[in-house]
Protein backbone atom coordinates (compact mmCIF):
# COMPACT_ATOMS: atom_id res chain seq x y z
CA MET A 1 -134.46 -46.47 23.53
CA ASN A 2 -137.55 -46.06 22.11
CA THR A 3 -141.11 -46.70 24.29
CA ASN A 4 -144.58 -48.46 22.52
CA LEU A 5 -147.48 -47.41 23.25
CA LEU A 6 -150.40 -50.17 23.92
CA ILE A 7 -154.59 -49.43 24.44
CA VAL A 8 -156.02 -51.62 26.28
CA GLU A 9 -159.71 -50.19 26.25
CA GLY A 10 -163.02 -52.59 26.95
CA PRO A 11 -166.46 -51.98 28.62
CA ASP A 12 -166.70 -52.76 32.75
CA CYS A 13 -166.18 -56.76 33.04
CA ALA A 14 -164.01 -57.57 29.41
CA GLY A 15 -161.08 -58.72 31.83
CA LYS A 16 -158.81 -55.50 30.84
CA THR A 17 -157.36 -55.77 34.26
CA THR A 18 -156.83 -58.79 33.62
CA LEU A 19 -155.01 -58.79 31.07
CA ILE A 20 -152.86 -55.65 31.63
CA ASN A 21 -151.51 -57.38 35.04
CA GLU A 22 -150.43 -60.41 32.87
CA LEU A 23 -148.47 -57.91 29.92
CA MET A 24 -146.81 -56.54 32.97
CA LYS A 25 -145.11 -59.96 34.02
CA LYS A 26 -144.69 -60.66 30.45
CA TYR A 27 -142.95 -57.62 29.50
CA GLN A 28 -139.60 -56.61 30.19
CA ASN A 29 -140.16 -52.98 31.58
CA PRO A 30 -143.84 -51.74 31.45
CA HIS A 31 -145.71 -48.62 32.68
CA MET A 32 -149.24 -49.12 33.59
CA ILE A 33 -151.33 -45.38 33.60
CA HIS A 34 -155.15 -45.81 34.58
CA HIS A 35 -157.31 -43.35 33.02
CA ASN A 36 -160.23 -43.02 35.04
CA ALA A 37 -163.67 -40.97 33.88
CA TYR A 38 -161.73 -37.49 35.03
CA LEU A 39 -165.16 -36.46 36.26
CA ASN A 40 -164.11 -32.92 36.80
CA ASP A 41 -162.40 -32.48 33.46
CA THR A 42 -162.96 -30.53 30.59
CA ASN A 43 -163.27 -29.65 27.00
CA ALA A 44 -159.93 -27.49 27.22
CA THR A 45 -158.32 -30.04 30.14
CA LEU A 46 -158.90 -33.76 29.39
CA TRP A 47 -156.95 -34.42 26.63
CA TYR A 48 -153.56 -33.56 28.62
CA ASN A 49 -154.22 -36.12 30.86
CA TYR A 50 -152.92 -38.82 27.18
CA LEU A 51 -151.17 -36.20 25.62
CA ILE A 52 -148.01 -35.77 27.91
CA PRO A 53 -147.09 -38.72 29.41
CA MET A 54 -146.91 -39.87 24.99
CA VAL A 55 -144.88 -36.25 25.02
CA ASP A 56 -142.54 -37.93 27.84
CA ALA A 57 -142.10 -41.21 26.33
CA TYR A 58 -141.79 -39.54 22.83
CA ASN A 59 -138.99 -37.48 24.60
CA HIS A 60 -137.59 -40.35 26.23
CA ASN A 61 -138.25 -38.88 29.87
CA THR A 62 -139.17 -42.81 30.67
CA ILE A 63 -136.70 -45.27 31.58
CA HIS A 64 -139.83 -47.73 30.57
CA SER A 65 -139.88 -49.86 27.16
CA ASP A 66 -144.35 -50.07 27.42
CA LEU A 67 -146.35 -47.63 28.21
CA ILE A 68 -149.43 -49.86 28.92
CA PHE A 69 -152.82 -47.35 28.73
CA ASP A 70 -155.59 -48.40 31.28
CA ARG A 71 -158.92 -46.87 28.94
CA SER A 72 -158.10 -43.88 26.98
CA TRP A 73 -159.86 -41.09 24.50
CA ILE A 74 -161.72 -43.79 22.59
CA ALA A 75 -163.64 -44.77 25.88
CA GLU A 76 -164.97 -40.66 25.85
CA PRO A 77 -167.31 -40.20 22.92
CA ILE A 78 -168.42 -44.78 24.15
CA TYR A 79 -169.27 -43.67 27.80
CA GLY A 80 -170.22 -40.31 27.06
CA GLN A 81 -173.12 -41.56 24.92
CA VAL A 82 -174.26 -44.03 27.63
CA MET A 83 -173.64 -42.26 30.96
CA ARG A 84 -173.67 -38.22 29.58
CA GLY A 85 -175.86 -37.81 27.76
CA GLY A 86 -174.13 -38.10 24.55
CA GLN A 87 -171.51 -35.62 25.41
CA ASP A 88 -167.71 -36.44 23.99
CA ARG A 89 -165.40 -34.17 26.06
CA ILE A 90 -162.41 -34.65 23.07
CA GLN A 91 -162.73 -32.58 20.58
CA VAL A 92 -161.90 -33.54 16.62
CA TYR A 93 -158.52 -31.92 16.54
CA GLN A 94 -157.73 -33.13 19.93
CA LYS A 95 -158.11 -36.34 18.65
CA ARG A 96 -156.36 -36.02 15.71
CA SER A 97 -153.30 -34.35 17.96
CA LEU A 98 -152.89 -37.82 20.23
CA GLU A 99 -153.42 -40.49 17.73
CA ARG A 100 -150.36 -38.27 15.72
CA ILE A 101 -148.59 -38.88 18.82
CA ALA A 102 -149.37 -42.18 19.48
CA LEU A 103 -148.49 -43.58 16.15
CA SER A 104 -145.28 -42.42 16.66
CA LEU A 105 -145.08 -44.81 19.58
CA GLY A 106 -145.88 -47.85 17.44
CA ALA A 107 -149.30 -47.81 19.59
CA VAL A 108 -151.70 -50.11 19.19
CA VAL A 109 -155.25 -50.98 20.56
CA VAL A 110 -156.20 -53.76 22.32
CA TYR A 111 -159.91 -54.11 22.41
CA CYS A 112 -161.48 -56.44 25.65
CA LEU A 113 -164.25 -57.80 23.98
CA PRO A 114 -165.16 -61.21 25.71
CA PRO A 115 -169.16 -62.15 24.62
CA VAL A 116 -171.56 -59.73 26.32
CA GLU A 117 -173.29 -62.36 28.39
CA THR A 118 -169.58 -62.97 29.66
CA CYS A 119 -169.68 -59.49 31.31
CA VAL A 120 -173.02 -58.82 31.75
CA GLY A 121 -172.21 -61.77 34.52
CA TYR A 122 -169.17 -60.83 36.29
CA PHE A 123 -170.80 -57.04 35.94
CA LYS A 124 -174.09 -58.23 38.58
CA ASP A 125 -171.68 -58.63 41.61
CA ARG A 126 -169.74 -56.13 40.44
CA MET A 127 -171.74 -52.61 40.17
CA ASP A 128 -170.95 -51.16 43.38
CA ILE A 129 -167.61 -50.95 41.84
CA GLU A 130 -167.64 -50.18 38.42
CA TYR A 131 -168.63 -47.08 36.23
CA LEU A 132 -171.51 -47.99 35.47
CA ASN A 133 -174.57 -48.85 37.22
CA LYS A 134 -176.83 -50.33 35.26
CA ILE A 135 -177.29 -53.67 33.03
CA ASP A 136 -178.45 -52.54 29.81
CA GLN A 137 -175.97 -49.55 30.24
CA LEU A 138 -173.78 -51.81 30.29
CA LYS A 139 -174.61 -53.30 26.90
CA GLN A 140 -175.24 -50.47 25.07
CA VAL A 141 -171.38 -49.32 25.65
CA HIS A 142 -169.96 -53.54 24.50
CA PHE A 143 -172.22 -52.69 21.37
CA ASN A 144 -170.73 -49.22 20.80
CA TYR A 145 -167.02 -51.14 21.17
CA VAL A 146 -167.95 -53.93 19.08
CA ASN A 147 -168.76 -50.81 17.01
CA GLN A 148 -165.19 -49.73 17.12
CA SER A 149 -163.11 -52.23 17.17
CA GLU A 150 -164.71 -53.04 13.38
CA GLN A 151 -165.29 -49.19 12.56
CA ALA A 152 -160.65 -50.15 13.25
CA GLN A 153 -160.02 -50.42 9.60
CA ARG A 154 -160.42 -46.79 9.06
CA SER A 155 -159.35 -45.21 12.53
CA GLY A 156 -156.55 -43.17 13.16
CA LEU A 157 -154.73 -46.39 15.20
CA TYR A 158 -154.16 -50.20 14.64
CA GLY A 159 -156.60 -52.26 16.44
CA LEU A 160 -156.98 -55.66 17.33
CA VAL A 161 -159.91 -57.96 19.09
CA TYR A 162 -159.38 -59.71 22.17
CA ASP A 163 -161.69 -62.17 23.11
CA TYR A 164 -160.32 -64.10 27.09
CA THR A 165 -162.40 -67.05 25.93
CA ASN A 166 -160.80 -68.93 23.31
CA GLU A 167 -156.99 -66.68 23.12
CA SER A 168 -154.16 -66.71 25.39
CA VAL A 169 -152.26 -63.59 26.30
CA ASP A 170 -149.37 -65.04 24.49
CA SER A 171 -151.31 -65.68 21.25
CA LEU A 172 -152.19 -61.69 21.88
CA ILE A 173 -148.27 -60.90 22.43
CA GLN A 174 -147.57 -61.94 19.37
CA ARG A 175 -150.40 -60.88 17.42
CA ILE A 176 -149.63 -57.31 18.59
CA SER A 177 -145.83 -57.98 17.96
CA MET A 178 -146.66 -59.32 14.02
CA LEU A 179 -148.74 -55.99 13.37
CA ARG A 180 -146.64 -53.61 15.25
CA ASP A 181 -143.24 -55.25 12.43
CA MET A 182 -145.57 -54.27 10.17
CA TYR A 183 -145.09 -50.36 10.26
CA GLY A 184 -141.97 -50.39 11.73
CA GLU A 185 -140.37 -48.06 14.67
CA ASN A 186 -140.41 -44.42 14.84
CA LEU A 187 -136.55 -44.08 13.32
CA GLY A 188 -137.17 -39.93 12.11
CA PRO A 189 -137.34 -37.14 13.77
CA GLY A 190 -141.12 -35.89 13.61
CA ILE A 191 -144.46 -37.78 14.74
CA GLY A 192 -146.84 -40.03 13.34
CA GLU A 193 -146.49 -43.60 10.88
CA PHE A 194 -142.96 -43.97 10.46
CA ALA A 195 -143.83 -46.53 8.48
CA PRO A 196 -141.21 -47.85 4.83
CA GLY A 197 -140.94 -48.97 1.85
CA GLY A 198 -143.75 -46.51 -0.05
CA ARG A 199 -146.12 -46.95 2.03
CA THR A 200 -146.46 -44.10 3.92
CA THR A 201 -146.26 -40.58 2.78
CA LEU A 202 -143.88 -37.42 4.63
CA ILE A 203 -145.42 -34.66 5.19
CA LEU A 204 -142.47 -31.33 5.50
CA SER A 205 -143.43 -28.15 6.94
CA ASP A 206 -141.93 -24.79 7.84
CA ARG A 207 -142.20 -24.64 11.62
CA SER A 208 -144.01 -24.72 15.29
CA SER A 209 -145.87 -21.00 15.70
CA GLY A 210 -147.23 -19.33 19.02
CA THR A 211 -146.79 -20.06 22.71
CA ASN A 212 -150.26 -23.00 21.94
CA ALA A 213 -147.41 -24.94 20.48
CA VAL A 214 -146.35 -27.82 22.26
CA GLN A 215 -143.54 -28.45 21.17
CA ASP A 216 -141.07 -28.07 18.33
CA GLY A 217 -140.42 -31.50 16.33
CA PHE A 218 -145.08 -31.95 16.93
CA PRO A 219 -146.41 -29.94 13.74
CA PHE A 220 -149.99 -29.30 13.56
CA ILE A 221 -150.30 -29.84 17.19
CA ALA A 222 -151.47 -26.74 19.09
CA LEU A 223 -152.84 -26.58 22.65
CA ASP A 224 -155.91 -24.94 22.14
CA ARG A 225 -158.61 -24.57 18.99
CA GLY A 226 -156.98 -20.90 17.86
CA GLY A 227 -154.54 -21.01 14.39
CA CYS A 228 -154.44 -23.28 11.39
CA SER A 229 -152.67 -25.83 13.52
CA ALA A 230 -156.94 -26.89 14.68
CA TRP A 231 -158.39 -25.86 10.84
CA LEU A 232 -156.47 -28.34 9.43
CA ASN A 233 -157.03 -31.45 11.73
CA GLU A 234 -160.71 -30.90 11.75
CA ILE A 235 -160.59 -30.96 7.51
CA LEU A 236 -158.34 -33.87 7.25
CA GLU A 237 -161.47 -35.36 9.87
CA ALA A 238 -164.48 -34.66 7.45
CA ASN A 239 -162.82 -36.27 4.30
CA GLY A 240 -162.12 -39.26 5.54
CA ILE A 241 -158.76 -38.72 5.71
CA SER A 242 -156.32 -41.36 8.02
CA GLU A 243 -153.80 -40.44 10.45
CA ARG A 244 -152.20 -43.08 9.36
CA GLY A 245 -149.89 -43.67 6.19
CA LEU A 246 -148.66 -39.88 7.46
CA TYR A 247 -145.48 -38.84 9.21
CA TRP A 248 -145.49 -35.33 9.92
CA VAL A 249 -141.75 -33.36 9.89
CA ASN A 250 -141.41 -29.92 11.15
CA VAL A 251 -137.90 -28.72 9.14
CA ASN A 252 -136.88 -25.79 11.56
CA SER A 253 -137.49 -24.80 15.62
CA MET A 254 -139.61 -21.57 16.16
CA ASP A 255 -137.08 -19.04 16.02
CA GLY A 256 -136.31 -20.36 12.29
CA THR A 257 -132.78 -22.55 12.56
CA GLU A 258 -133.50 -25.42 11.40
CA ILE A 259 -134.36 -28.68 13.48
CA VAL A 260 -133.59 -31.69 10.86
CA ASN A 261 -131.00 -33.08 8.43
CA GLY A 262 -132.64 -35.25 5.89
CA SER A 263 -131.13 -38.53 6.44
CA PHE A 264 -133.67 -40.04 7.75
CA ILE A 265 -135.66 -39.79 3.70
CA ASP A 266 -133.44 -42.43 2.27
CA ARG A 267 -134.47 -44.69 5.54
CA LEU A 268 -138.60 -44.22 4.89
CA ARG A 269 -138.32 -44.44 1.55
CA PRO A 270 -142.33 -42.57 1.27
CA ILE A 271 -144.17 -42.59 -1.87
CA GLN A 272 -144.60 -39.40 -1.89
CA ILE A 273 -143.02 -36.34 -0.23
CA ILE A 274 -145.19 -32.70 0.09
CA THR A 275 -143.78 -29.35 1.31
CA LEU A 276 -145.79 -26.64 2.60
CA GLY A 277 -144.83 -24.01 2.74
CA ASN A 278 -141.56 -21.76 2.18
CA GLU A 279 -138.79 -22.73 4.33
CA ALA A 280 -140.39 -26.26 3.84
CA LEU A 281 -139.52 -26.16 0.59
CA ASP A 282 -135.99 -24.83 1.16
CA TRP A 283 -135.38 -27.60 3.13
CA PHE A 284 -136.12 -29.94 1.06
CA GLU A 285 -134.39 -28.51 -2.14
CA GLY A 286 -131.14 -27.80 -0.07
CA TYR A 287 -131.25 -32.11 0.24
CA GLU A 288 -132.68 -33.33 -2.49
CA SER A 289 -129.29 -33.47 -4.62
CA MET A 290 -128.20 -35.60 -1.34
CA PHE A 291 -131.09 -38.42 -1.72
CA LEU A 292 -130.21 -41.60 -2.57
CA ASN A 293 -133.49 -42.39 -4.06
CA LYS A 294 -135.66 -39.69 -6.24
CA PHE A 295 -138.83 -38.86 -4.87
CA ASN A 296 -142.23 -37.94 -6.30
CA HIS A 297 -142.33 -33.88 -4.04
CA VAL A 298 -145.02 -31.50 -4.45
CA HIS A 299 -145.02 -28.23 -2.94
CA LEU A 300 -148.54 -26.24 -1.43
CA HIS A 301 -149.54 -23.73 0.36
CA HIS A 302 -149.09 -23.31 3.97
CA PRO A 303 -152.41 -24.24 5.39
CA GLN A 304 -152.35 -20.84 7.41
CA TYR A 305 -151.77 -18.82 4.37
CA HIS A 306 -155.03 -20.86 3.08
CA LYS A 307 -156.73 -20.83 5.93
CA ARG A 308 -156.40 -17.01 5.84
CA PHE A 309 -156.73 -16.71 1.86
CA ARG A 310 -158.44 -19.27 0.00
CA SER A 311 -160.43 -20.93 2.35
CA ARG A 312 -163.31 -20.70 0.52
CA GLU A 313 -161.06 -23.69 -1.31
CA LEU A 314 -161.41 -26.44 -0.72
CA TYR A 315 -157.18 -27.66 0.59
CA GLN A 316 -155.26 -29.44 -2.08
CA LEU A 317 -153.43 -31.27 0.80
CA ILE A 318 -156.57 -32.85 0.71
CA SER A 319 -157.75 -33.68 -3.07
CA ILE A 320 -153.58 -35.66 -2.50
CA LEU A 321 -154.74 -37.90 0.22
CA LYS A 322 -157.74 -38.65 -0.89
CA LYS A 323 -156.16 -39.57 -3.81
CA LYS A 324 -153.66 -41.55 -2.65
CA GLY A 325 -156.03 -43.27 -0.06
CA ASP A 326 -158.16 -44.26 -3.22
């Protein structure tokens, strides 16, 4: 059973708790995790609070069909600007990694955004129990969330705006379901957006390497900034390439044994297939004659090679993905 991820975001007194309570009643087998400000965490540790529950859900280490996050890493820069002098404790490579796994879980972000006046009205009676302590702070956070929701169409995750003053919870649930139907369930062995029918670029890589890899099936997701994983994620971000429409698969395990077969590719029907490294190329060529469909295929050096020997040049993967987005 695949677990769906729903992330509920919004400023203080925007109706998040009320919405989550209603969703917990309406979904069949949900599990909710409340993410607080994690003030004792550092840049190196904060993201584990979001990473570990998603990895467990991906690995089916849960009986729950729906995982609901009450806040997430999305709130970090929004509240950091107001409460911590602009500090964002989520690093770029961590954000990309979290988005990639979240897409595998059919993630939808719900931005709770009633009118700011509504939030202020409730906030005045709750200042002593909220994270923020000034009305001006609340107004700035609300403004930041509005900007974030407007940019959601270009971000890594799909998002919806919910205003409880003019929409029912049932209507919101219907919109969430329609959005998930649009980009599909993860029916493959990798991570990212599994969107069949020529909407996804499939990126095949050799294997995870090093002791800092999260697990075999998670391409270019590492626990620290060393190696090529963080480097690749950072140049993707710097060039404005979203995680949407990308599906990542490691073909081999860390010891070199094959961990996937190619049957999922005909289900995915990607717009193009990119192999990164010789192991990925050998794997693809071994299955190519078995595919029911013909696919556009491009082979590139592994990012590790490019980072070591050709780092002054733009990695060709960036050019290809930019062209796809145009």
